[in-house]
Amino acid sequence: MDLDGARVLVCGGGRRLGRAIAEDLAASGCSVAVSSRSTVEPVAVRDGRSTAALTADLTDATQARAVVVDAATALGGLDGVVYAAGGAFTPTTLEDITPELVEDALGSVVRGLIFVAQAAQQTLADGGSIVVIGDVAGMRGWPSYLPHSAAKGAQRALVSGLARSLAPRHRINVVHPGTVLPPDEVDADALERIVTRIPLGRIGAPQDIAAAVRYLLTADYVTGTELVVDGGRMAQ
């Protein structure tokens, strides 16, 4: 896939990391549709490219399928999907976890991906690619973010299975970011302690993740792989 002129849907592209990825793809020459649970502005794209902003709750199977079709309609076809949707990223002790937190995490991260992939199988052009934004928390569970960690861990197995289901027409891979855009509740001292555990000596920037997404969208002989972008923290 050549990104210049490619048509890409970014699920969860309304804010934070998903938005940064969408803007990076637009700067690379893509036509870009973003989806979000709430109304957001479309990203700015190059002259001659298409853009769209769609509202969808991806925990709902019907909306998850429909957003893929709607994006293809808005962009005149679809070559790629970036699945950056997430939920329940809230620090919570084990005793305070509620069924609602677990359902929100699994719904956004796992159920939504299943039905987006189901629709993408029928909608993506030949050679199309899906890139999932995972999390290193899915590789080594975080005690304060257990619903999120569990959902991201399940997502890893899902990507492995989908790689076989979608092949040979389509590919799917996952990027596992380390600490990028930390939550507001992480104070400066806590962030400094995190940095001391990162071999490259800094937290990640959205551009680090966006570059990995661009690679996997265009890597025509790569599917079912996991790319960790965490400054070396998981290598310790």
Foldseek 3Di string as FASTA:
>chain_A
DQLQAAQEEEEVCADDLNVLLQQVSQVSHYQYEYEEQDDHDWHDHDPPFFIYYYHFDLLDLVRLLVVLVVSCVRRVAHQEYEQEWAALQFFDAPVGDDPVSLSRGQSRQPSSVVSNLVNCLVTHFFLGEYEYEAACCCVPPDRRRRSNNVNSVVNLVVQLVVQVVSPDRYAYEYEHAYDEPDDPVQDPVNLCVVQVLQQQRHHDYSVQVSVVVVCRRPVSVDHSYYHYHGNCNVVD
